[in-house]
């Protein structure tokens, strides 16, 4: 990026955005938390003290991007000190609670001088960015200090806003300074090459497939639900659902629960707001309803409302059918988490944001519903036809297994002093 572009970016794009964010922070608690977190991160990182292990620095925009790079962190954490920054509160708050062997910060403000001081102090072996959250001055400072940078799980859809002329004008030179961009698919690679004129692009797949295998293994040791509740019942898990998903599913599910007494339902809202929880409890109270955090005399209820976050991936093991939410709202959530258990996956029409959801539709391995009638029809088919249910689930499971291995391919390309234990073996 030449001086003119840097000047425009810094003073006419980034600084106005920061100013607006500070104004919003006066009235919005989440934005205020993120702004204050950035000031603390800048202060702490400028005084960062390296320990006995060399540092590897990861950046993820939010919780989803962080979860997808967990396999890389899992392997590299055996040899390196892991430092992770986050753009959003969701990833930061979750990581701070769950992973105390790592160091977590909010992403500092994107000023070149600040990044130069931070990275010079941190001295990371290399920088790994998850998915798409590229910050110009972070990359420029790393390049100046000769710190290798890598973009993993990179995707670039045909409708991405990053393909607009203004974005390409500023960011094409930034992408060229990244040592290697590891894309999810051939189509993503081709778009990076065509629109940004890049050579440093390689197709390796998506580490999220390796992560769902790891989570599946870890879930086997966790007992969130008493076996009496699921034993001899057929369970449908509604994962990460929004009110828009619920509006389509509620009536069909009530009708099916009246018809099939062996049917139970796991409701897992994307955000367990009290009003949404009460709405579910009111509609399904006639079948017996209990919240996850209140498990006394648990086996009698036919519907369980999960009022905590962060355990959805571990709950799919209790189900025989899964619906993945977000697909009647803004975009589908992770379809691989239920798929790894070999159970059928259903979702709504808004799934084009997910490469794997789109691929599953093309391969006839998942079910897309448009309204209540279609939801009722496919759910009843899956409930009554066990052979159809098992065959459908196996199609999704084979898709997941076919796409594992991205973590090892990325590790082989990273400049490591030594290979972590179990390097090169399948994560499962």
Protein backbone atom coordinates (compact mmCIF):
# COMPACT_ATOMS: atom_id res chain seq x y z
CA UNK A 1 0.00 0.00 0.00
CA UNK A 2 1.58 3.29 -1.08
CA UNK A 3 1.59 6.47 1.04
CA UNK A 4 -1.44 7.97 -0.69
CA UNK A 5 -3.60 4.91 -0.04
CA UNK A 6 -2.39 4.69 3.56
CA UNK A 7 -3.25 8.36 4.12
CA UNK A 8 -6.77 7.93 2.68
CA UNK A 9 -7.34 4.71 4.66
CA UNK A 10 -6.09 6.18 7.94
CA UNK A 11 -7.68 9.63 7.93
CA UNK A 12 -10.77 9.29 5.74
CA UNK A 13 -11.89 5.71 6.43
CA UNK A 14 -10.54 4.28 9.68
CA UNK A 15 -10.45 7.36 11.93
CA UNK A 16 -14.06 8.35 11.10
CA UNK A 17 -15.16 4.79 11.90
CA UNK A 18 -13.37 4.92 15.25
CA UNK A 19 -14.97 8.28 16.02
CA UNK A 20 -18.45 6.90 15.29
CA UNK A 21 -17.73 3.80 17.39
CA UNK A 22 -16.80 5.99 20.36
CA UNK A 23 -20.10 7.86 20.01
CA UNK A 24 -22.09 4.62 19.87
CA UNK A 25 -20.17 3.37 22.92
CA UNK A 26 -21.79 6.10 24.99
CA UNK A 27 -25.14 4.35 24.60
CA UNK A 28 -24.27 0.71 23.79
CA UNK A 29 -22.75 -1.51 26.48
CA UNK A 30 -21.25 -4.09 24.08
CA UNK A 31 -19.58 -1.45 21.92
CA UNK A 32 -18.30 0.32 25.04
CA UNK A 33 -16.84 -2.97 26.30
CA UNK A 34 -15.06 -3.51 22.98
CA UNK A 35 -13.66 0.04 22.87
CA UNK A 36 -12.33 -0.12 26.43
CA UNK A 37 -10.93 -3.58 25.71
CA UNK A 38 -8.94 -2.16 22.81
CA UNK A 39 -7.36 0.49 25.02
CA UNK A 40 -6.41 -2.16 27.59
CA UNK A 41 -5.03 -4.43 24.87
CA UNK A 42 -2.87 -1.65 23.43
CA UNK A 43 -1.47 -0.89 26.89
CA UNK A 44 -0.80 -4.53 27.81
CA UNK A 45 0.61 -5.61 24.45
CA UNK A 46 3.07 -2.71 24.35
CA UNK A 47 4.44 -4.16 27.61
CA UNK A 48 4.14 -7.81 26.55
CA UNK A 49 6.65 -10.11 28.22
CA UNK A 50 7.76 -13.22 26.33
CA UNK A 51 8.08 -16.42 28.33
CA UNK A 52 10.09 -19.58 27.80
CA UNK A 53 8.13 -20.61 24.72
CA UNK A 54 8.24 -18.72 21.40
CA UNK A 55 4.98 -16.95 20.54
CA UNK A 56 2.52 -17.72 17.76
CA UNK A 57 -0.06 -14.98 17.27
CA UNK A 58 -3.60 -15.72 16.04
CA UNK A 59 -6.36 -13.26 15.19
CA UNK A 60 -10.06 -14.12 14.86
CA UNK A 61 -12.96 -11.75 14.34
CA UNK A 62 -15.39 -13.56 16.64
CA UNK A 63 -16.25 -16.85 18.33
CA UNK A 64 -17.08 -18.71 15.11
CA UNK A 65 -13.75 -17.93 13.45
CA UNK A 66 -11.93 -18.80 16.69
CA UNK A 67 -13.66 -22.18 16.96
CA UNK A 68 -12.67 -23.03 13.40
CA UNK A 69 -8.93 -22.53 14.06
CA UNK A 70 -8.94 -24.50 17.30
CA UNK A 71 -7.22 -27.50 15.63
CA UNK A 72 -4.24 -25.31 14.70
CA UNK A 73 -4.10 -23.89 18.22
CA UNK A 74 -4.46 -27.40 19.64
CA UNK A 75 -1.35 -28.64 17.82
CA UNK A 76 0.79 -25.51 18.08
CA UNK A 77 -0.07 -24.94 21.74
CA UNK A 78 2.06 -27.95 22.64
CA UNK A 79 5.21 -26.16 21.47
CA UNK A 80 4.39 -22.44 21.38
CA UNK A 81 2.82 -19.79 23.60
CA UNK A 82 -0.49 -18.94 21.94
CA UNK A 83 -1.68 -15.32 21.83
CA UNK A 84 -5.11 -14.60 20.34
CA UNK A 85 -6.82 -11.28 19.59
CA UNK A 86 -10.52 -10.82 18.84
CA UNK A 87 -12.52 -8.13 17.12
CA UNK A 88 -15.80 -8.92 18.88
CA UNK A 89 -16.75 -9.52 22.54
CA UNK A 90 -18.26 -12.96 21.80
CA UNK A 91 -14.95 -14.62 20.99
CA UNK A 92 -12.97 -12.78 23.63
CA UNK A 93 -15.37 -13.50 26.49
CA UNK A 94 -15.69 -17.17 25.59
CA UNK A 95 -11.94 -17.74 25.20
CA UNK A 96 -11.09 -16.03 28.50
CA UNK A 97 -13.39 -18.44 30.34
CA UNK A 98 -12.47 -21.63 28.52
CA UNK A 99 -8.76 -21.58 27.66
CA UNK A 100 -6.56 -20.38 30.50
CA UNK A 101 -3.36 -21.75 28.92
CA UNK A 102 -3.62 -19.11 26.16
CA UNK A 103 -3.33 -15.31 26.25
CA UNK A 104 -6.33 -13.36 24.92
CA UNK A 105 -6.86 -9.70 24.05
CA UNK A 106 -9.21 -7.51 22.12
CA UNK A 107 -7.76 -6.43 18.78
CA UNK A 108 -5.95 -3.09 19.33
CA UNK A 109 -6.75 -0.10 17.16
CA UNK A 110 -5.35 -0.34 13.64
CA UNK A 111 -2.58 2.28 13.79
CA UNK A 112 0.75 1.49 12.16
CA UNK A 113 2.94 2.89 14.94
CA UNK A 114 0.99 0.98 17.59
CA UNK A 115 1.23 -2.29 15.69
CA UNK A 116 4.94 -1.80 15.08
CA UNK A 117 5.57 -1.42 18.84
CA UNK A 118 3.33 -4.37 19.73
CA UNK A 119 4.75 -6.82 17.22
CA UNK A 120 8.32 -5.77 17.92
CA UNK A 121 7.70 -6.43 21.61
CA UNK A 122 5.77 -9.69 21.11
CA UNK A 123 8.19 -11.12 18.51
CA UNK A 124 5.78 -13.77 17.24
CA UNK A 125 7.15 -16.62 15.16
CA UNK A 126 4.33 -15.83 12.72
CA UNK A 127 0.82 -14.36 12.54
CA UNK A 128 -2.22 -16.44 11.58
CA UNK A 129 -5.48 -14.68 10.67
CA UNK A 130 -8.73 -16.63 10.58
CA UNK A 131 -11.12 -16.30 7.66
CA UNK A 132 -11.29 -12.66 6.53
CA UNK A 133 -10.58 -10.13 9.29
CA UNK A 134 -7.67 -8.32 7.62
CA UNK A 135 -6.36 -5.03 9.09
CA UNK A 136 -4.06 -3.03 6.88
CA UNK A 137 -1.63 -1.62 9.43
CA UNK A 138 -1.33 -4.91 11.27
CA UNK A 139 -0.15 -6.58 8.05
CA UNK A 140 2.11 -3.68 7.07
CA UNK A 141 3.85 -3.64 10.46
CA UNK A 142 4.31 -7.42 10.42
CA UNK A 143 5.78 -7.20 6.94
CA UNK A 144 8.17 -4.43 7.99
CA UNK A 145 9.36 -6.55 10.93
CA UNK A 146 9.67 -9.62 8.65
CA UNK A 147 7.06 -11.58 10.60
CA UNK A 148 5.45 -14.17 8.28
CA UNK A 149 1.68 -13.80 7.96
CA UNK A 150 -0.88 -16.40 6.92
CA UNK A 151 -4.60 -16.19 6.16
CA UNK A 152 -6.37 -19.50 6.85
CA UNK A 153 -9.87 -20.74 6.02
CA UNK A 154 -10.04 -17.92 3.48
CA UNK A 155 -13.22 -17.65 1.45
CA UNK A 156 -14.44 -15.17 -1.14
CA UNK A 157 -17.97 -15.71 -2.38
CA UNK A 158 -19.24 -14.39 -5.70
CA UNK A 159 -21.44 -11.90 -3.83
CA UNK A 160 -18.85 -10.78 -1.29
CA UNK A 161 -18.62 -7.04 -0.57
CA UNK A 162 -14.84 -7.47 -0.72
CA UNK A 163 -15.13 -7.69 -4.49
CA UNK A 164 -16.22 -4.07 -4.81
CA UNK A 165 -13.82 -1.67 -6.51
CA UNK A 166 -13.07 0.44 -3.42
CA UNK A 167 -12.14 -2.54 -1.26
CA UNK A 168 -9.90 -4.00 -3.96
CA UNK A 169 -8.22 -0.62 -4.51
CA UNK A 170 -7.06 -0.48 -0.89
CA UNK A 171 -6.63 -4.15 -0.01
CA UNK A 172 -5.09 -5.77 -3.08
CA UNK A 173 -1.61 -4.56 -2.01
CA UNK A 174 -2.27 -5.77 1.56
CA UNK A 175 -3.22 -9.26 0.40
CA UNK A 176 0.00 -9.37 -1.64
CA UNK A 177 2.05 -8.85 1.52
CA UNK A 178 0.53 -11.93 3.17
CA UNK A 179 2.95 -14.83 2.80
CA UNK A 180 0.27 -17.40 2.00
CA UNK A 181 -3.51 -17.40 1.73
CA UNK A 182 -5.00 -20.84 2.40
CA UNK A 183 -8.44 -21.05 0.81
CA UNK A 184 -11.34 -23.39 1.47
CA UNK A 185 -12.13 -24.23 -2.17
CA UNK A 186 -10.94 -23.95 -5.75
CA UNK A 187 -13.61 -21.30 -6.39
CA UNK A 188 -12.27 -19.15 -3.54
CA UNK A 189 -8.73 -19.47 -4.85
CA UNK A 190 -9.80 -18.47 -8.34
CA UNK A 191 -11.56 -15.33 -7.12
CA UNK A 192 -8.54 -14.21 -5.09
CA UNK A 193 -6.34 -14.71 -8.15
CA UNK A 194 -8.76 -13.05 -10.58
CA UNK A 195 -9.90 -10.04 -8.56
CA UNK A 196 -6.80 -9.31 -6.49
CA UNK A 197 -4.13 -10.54 -8.96
CA UNK A 198 -2.51 -12.77 -6.34
CA UNK A 199 -0.04 -15.61 -6.64
CA UNK A 200 0.24 -16.49 -2.94
CA UNK A 201 -2.95 -18.58 -2.80
CA UNK A 202 -3.26 -22.29 -2.08
CA UNK A 203 -6.31 -24.55 -1.64
CA UNK A 204 -6.16 -26.67 1.54
CA UNK A 205 -9.76 -26.90 2.77
CA UNK A 206 -11.34 -25.71 6.01
CA UNK A 207 -10.00 -26.53 9.49
CA UNK A 208 -13.56 -26.42 10.85
CA UNK A 209 -13.98 -30.00 9.59
CA UNK A 210 -11.06 -31.09 11.78
CA UNK A 211 -12.53 -29.13 14.68
CA UNK A 212 -15.87 -30.93 14.61
CA UNK A 213 -14.00 -34.25 14.75
CA UNK A 214 -12.02 -33.04 17.78
CA UNK A 215 -15.18 -31.72 19.46
CA UNK A 216 -16.91 -35.03 18.80
CA UNK A 217 -14.10 -36.90 20.57
CA UNK A 218 -14.18 -34.49 23.50
CA UNK A 219 -17.97 -34.70 23.75
CA UNK A 220 -17.80 -38.44 24.45
CA UNK A 221 -16.41 -37.66 27.91
CA UNK A 222 -19.08 -35.06 28.76
CA UNK A 223 -22.47 -35.95 30.22
CA UNK A 224 -24.77 -32.98 29.91
CA UNK A 225 -28.06 -34.89 29.81
CA UNK A 226 -29.07 -37.92 31.91
CA UNK A 227 -29.20 -41.09 29.83
CA UNK A 228 -32.73 -41.76 31.12
CA UNK A 229 -33.97 -38.71 29.22
CA UNK A 230 -32.80 -39.96 25.82
CA UNK A 231 -33.00 -43.72 26.30
CA UNK A 232 -35.69 -45.30 24.09
CA UNK A 233 -36.72 -41.90 22.70
CA UNK A 234 -36.15 -40.18 19.37
CA UNK A 235 -34.60 -36.75 19.91
CA UNK A 236 -34.66 -33.77 17.52
CA UNK A 237 -32.05 -31.08 18.25
CA UNK A 238 -32.85 -27.55 17.12
CA UNK A 239 -29.40 -25.98 17.10
CA UNK A 240 -28.71 -22.25 17.38
CA UNK A 241 -32.25 -21.28 16.44
CA UNK A 242 -33.60 -17.74 16.13
CA UNK A 243 -37.25 -16.71 16.63
CA UNK A 244 -37.58 -16.73 12.82
CA UNK A 245 -36.63 -20.43 12.75
CA UNK A 246 -38.94 -21.20 15.62
CA UNK A 247 -41.88 -19.52 13.88
CA UNK A 248 -41.63 -22.09 11.07
CA UNK A 249 -40.94 -25.14 13.27
CA UNK A 250 -43.23 -24.62 16.25
CA UNK A 251 -46.56 -25.77 14.79
CA UNK A 252 -45.15 -28.82 12.91
CA UNK A 253 -43.25 -29.95 16.01
CA UNK A 254 -46.29 -29.63 18.27
CA UNK A 255 -48.32 -31.69 15.84
CA UNK A 256 -45.60 -34.34 15.63
CA UNK A 257 -45.22 -34.53 19.41
CA UNK A 258 -48.95 -35.19 19.73
CA UNK A 259 -48.71 -37.95 17.12
CA UNK A 260 -45.45 -39.59 18.29
CA UNK A 261 -45.18 -40.08 22.05
CA UNK A 262 -41.56 -41.27 21.78
CA UNK A 263 -40.46 -37.91 20.35
CA UNK A 264 -38.43 -35.43 22.43
CA UNK A 265 -36.95 -32.07 21.48
CA UNK A 266 -33.80 -30.17 22.43
CA UNK A 267 -34.31 -26.43 21.94
CA UNK A 268 -30.98 -24.56 21.74
CA UNK A 269 -31.59 -20.84 21.05
CA UNK A 270 -28.80 -18.87 19.40
CA UNK A 271 -29.23 -16.32 22.17
CA UNK A 272 -31.18 -17.54 25.22
CA UNK A 273 -33.12 -14.34 25.88
CA UNK A 274 -35.77 -14.73 28.54
CA UNK A 275 -38.67 -13.75 26.27
CA UNK A 276 -37.70 -16.42 23.73
CA UNK A 277 -37.29 -19.08 26.43
CA UNK A 278 -40.71 -18.28 27.86
CA UNK A 279 -42.30 -18.41 24.40
CA UNK A 280 -41.00 -21.96 23.90
CA UNK A 281 -42.09 -23.02 27.38
CA UNK A 282 -45.59 -21.65 26.81
CA UNK A 283 -46.03 -23.44 23.47
CA UNK A 284 -44.59 -26.79 24.58
CA UNK A 285 -45.58 -26.74 28.24
CA UNK A 286 -48.37 -29.23 27.55
CA UNK A 287 -45.71 -31.84 26.70
CA UNK A 288 -43.61 -31.12 29.76
CA UNK A 289 -40.77 -28.60 29.53
CA UNK A 290 -37.68 -27.97 31.59
CA UNK A 291 -34.68 -25.66 31.33
CA UNK A 292 -31.20 -27.10 31.02
CA UNK A 293 -30.01 -25.51 34.27
CA UNK A 294 -32.87 -27.09 36.22
CA UNK A 295 -32.42 -30.85 35.83
CA UNK A 296 -34.26 -32.19 38.86
CA UNK A 297 -36.61 -35.08 38.03
CA UNK A 298 -35.44 -34.61 34.52
CA UNK A 299 -36.71 -37.73 32.75
CA UNK A 300 -40.42 -36.78 32.75
CA UNK A 301 -40.26 -33.77 30.40
CA UNK A 302 -40.38 -34.20 26.62
CA UNK A 303 -38.77 -30.88 25.73
CA UNK A 304 -35.55 -29.40 27.08
CA UNK A 305 -34.81 -25.69 26.66
CA UNK A 306 -31.07 -25.02 26.77
CA UNK A 307 -30.56 -21.65 28.46
CA UNK A 308 -26.75 -21.59 28.33
CA UNK A 309 -24.33 -21.04 25.44
CA UNK A 310 -21.18 -22.80 24.27
CA UNK A 311 -22.25 -26.44 24.52
CA UNK A 312 -24.33 -26.93 21.37
CA UNK A 313 -21.68 -28.97 19.52
CA UNK A 314 -21.62 -31.41 22.45
CA UNK A 315 -25.41 -31.79 22.57
CA UNK A 316 -25.88 -33.11 19.04
CA UNK A 317 -24.65 -36.53 20.22
CA UNK A 318 -27.99 -37.01 21.98
CA UNK A 319 -30.06 -36.47 18.82
CA UNK A 320 -31.18 -38.57 15.86
CA UNK A 321 -32.27 -35.56 13.75
CA UNK A 322 -30.92 -32.00 13.66
CA UNK A 323 -32.23 -28.68 12.47
CA UNK A 324 -29.55 -25.96 12.11
CA UNK A 325 -30.73 -22.43 12.85
CA UNK A 326 -30.09 -19.05 11.32
CA UNK A 327 -31.40 -20.25 7.99
CA UNK A 328 -34.62 -18.25 8.27
CA UNK A 329 -32.79 -15.23 9.70
CA UNK A 330 -29.45 -13.93 8.38
CA UNK A 331 -27.54 -17.06 7.45
CA UNK A 332 -27.08 -20.63 8.60
CA UNK A 333 -24.84 -21.70 11.46
CA UNK A 334 -22.50 -24.70 11.56
CA UNK A 335 -24.00 -27.73 9.78
CA UNK A 336 -20.89 -29.83 10.34
CA UNK A 337 -21.35 -30.14 14.09
CA UNK A 338 -24.43 -32.37 13.80
CA UNK A 339 -23.18 -33.93 10.56
CA UNK A 340 -20.18 -35.54 12.23
CA UNK A 341 -22.56 -37.66 14.33
CA UNK A 342 -24.11 -39.19 11.23
CA UNK A 343 -27.58 -37.70 11.75
CA UNK A 344 -29.79 -36.03 9.10
CA UNK A 345 -29.48 -32.25 8.84
CA UNK A 346 -32.36 -29.89 8.00
CA UNK A 347 -32.23 -26.14 7.44
CA UNK A 348 -34.03 -23.23 5.82
CA UNK A 349 -33.48 -21.23 2.62
CA UNK A 350 -30.83 -18.77 3.88
CA UNK A 351 -27.80 -21.05 3.72
CA UNK A 352 -25.72 -19.63 0.85
CA UNK A 353 -23.34 -18.08 3.41
CA UNK A 354 -22.08 -21.58 4.17
CA UNK A 355 -19.97 -23.43 1.60
CA UNK A 356 -20.63 -26.82 3.18
CA UNK A 357 -24.39 -26.24 3.51
CA UNK A 358 -24.53 -25.37 -0.20
CA UNK A 359 -22.45 -28.41 -1.11
CA UNK A 360 -24.64 -30.72 0.95
CA UNK A 361 -27.68 -29.49 -0.97
CA UNK A 362 -25.92 -30.11 -4.30
CA UNK A 363 -25.06 -33.65 -3.23
CA UNK A 364 -28.55 -34.37 -1.95
CA UNK A 365 -27.19 -34.97 1.54
CA UNK A 366 -29.33 -32.46 3.46
CA UNK A 367 -32.89 -31.17 3.47
CA UNK A 368 -33.94 -27.56 2.85
CA UNK A 369 -37.41 -26.47 3.97
CA UNK A 370 -39.20 -23.32 2.88
CA UNK A 371 -42.23 -23.30 5.20
CA UNK A 372 -44.20 -25.15 7.87
CA UNK A 373 -45.66 -27.66 5.43
CA UNK A 374 -42.26 -28.77 4.11
CA UNK A 375 -40.82 -28.90 7.63
CA UNK A 376 -43.63 -31.18 8.80
CA UNK A 377 -43.30 -33.45 5.77
CA UNK A 378 -39.56 -34.11 6.03
CA UNK A 379 -39.58 -34.39 9.82
CA UNK A 380 -42.36 -36.99 9.72
CA UNK A 381 -40.51 -38.95 7.03
CA UNK A 382 -37.33 -38.98 9.13
CA UNK A 383 -39.25 -40.00 12.26
CA UNK A 384 -41.17 -42.86 10.67
CA UNK A 385 -38.58 -44.25 8.24
CA UNK A 386 -35.53 -45.40 10.20
CA UNK A 387 -33.66 -46.71 7.13
CA UNK A 388 -34.15 -43.36 5.36
CA UNK A 389 -33.00 -41.53 8.49
CA UNK A 390 -29.82 -43.56 8.84
CA UNK A 391 -28.95 -43.35 5.14
CA UNK A 392 -29.44 -39.57 5.16
CA UNK A 393 -27.23 -39.16 8.20
CA UNK A 394 -24.45 -41.26 6.75
CA UNK A 395 -24.33 -39.06 3.63
CA UNK A 396 -23.60 -36.02 5.78
CA UNK A 397 -21.06 -37.90 7.90
CA UNK A 398 -19.15 -39.07 4.81
CA UNK A 399 -19.10 -35.48 3.53
CA UNK A 400 -17.49 -34.32 6.79
CA UNK A 401 -14.91 -37.09 6.81
CA UNK A 402 -14.04 -36.46 3.16
CA UNK A 403 -13.11 -32.85 3.95
CA UNK A 404 -10.86 -33.34 6.97
CA UNK A 405 -7.08 -32.79 6.86
CA UNK A 406 -6.78 -29.02 6.28
CA UNK A 407 -5.01 -28.57 9.62
CA UNK A 408 -2.17 -30.90 8.68
CA UNK A 409 -1.77 -29.32 5.26
CA UNK A 410 -1.47 -25.86 6.82
CA UNK A 411 0.96 -27.04 9.51
CA UNK A 412 3.21 -28.48 6.84
CA UNK A 413 3.48 -25.03 5.23
CA UNK A 414 4.16 -23.04 8.42
CA UNK A 415 7.75 -22.09 9.42
CA UNK A 416 7.96 -24.22 12.56
CA UNK A 417 11.15 -24.79 14.55
CA UNK A 418 9.90 -28.23 15.47
CA UNK A 419 6.82 -30.23 14.67
CA UNK A 420 4.23 -30.66 17.44
CA UNK A 421 3.50 -34.13 18.82
CA UNK A 422 1.21 -36.17 16.55
CA UNK A 423 1.97 -33.81 13.65
CA UNK A 424 0.82 -35.27 10.34
CA UNK A 425 -1.66 -37.67 11.91
CA UNK A 426 -5.38 -37.29 11.51
CA UNK A 427 -6.90 -35.15 14.26
CA UNK A 428 -9.37 -37.91 14.99
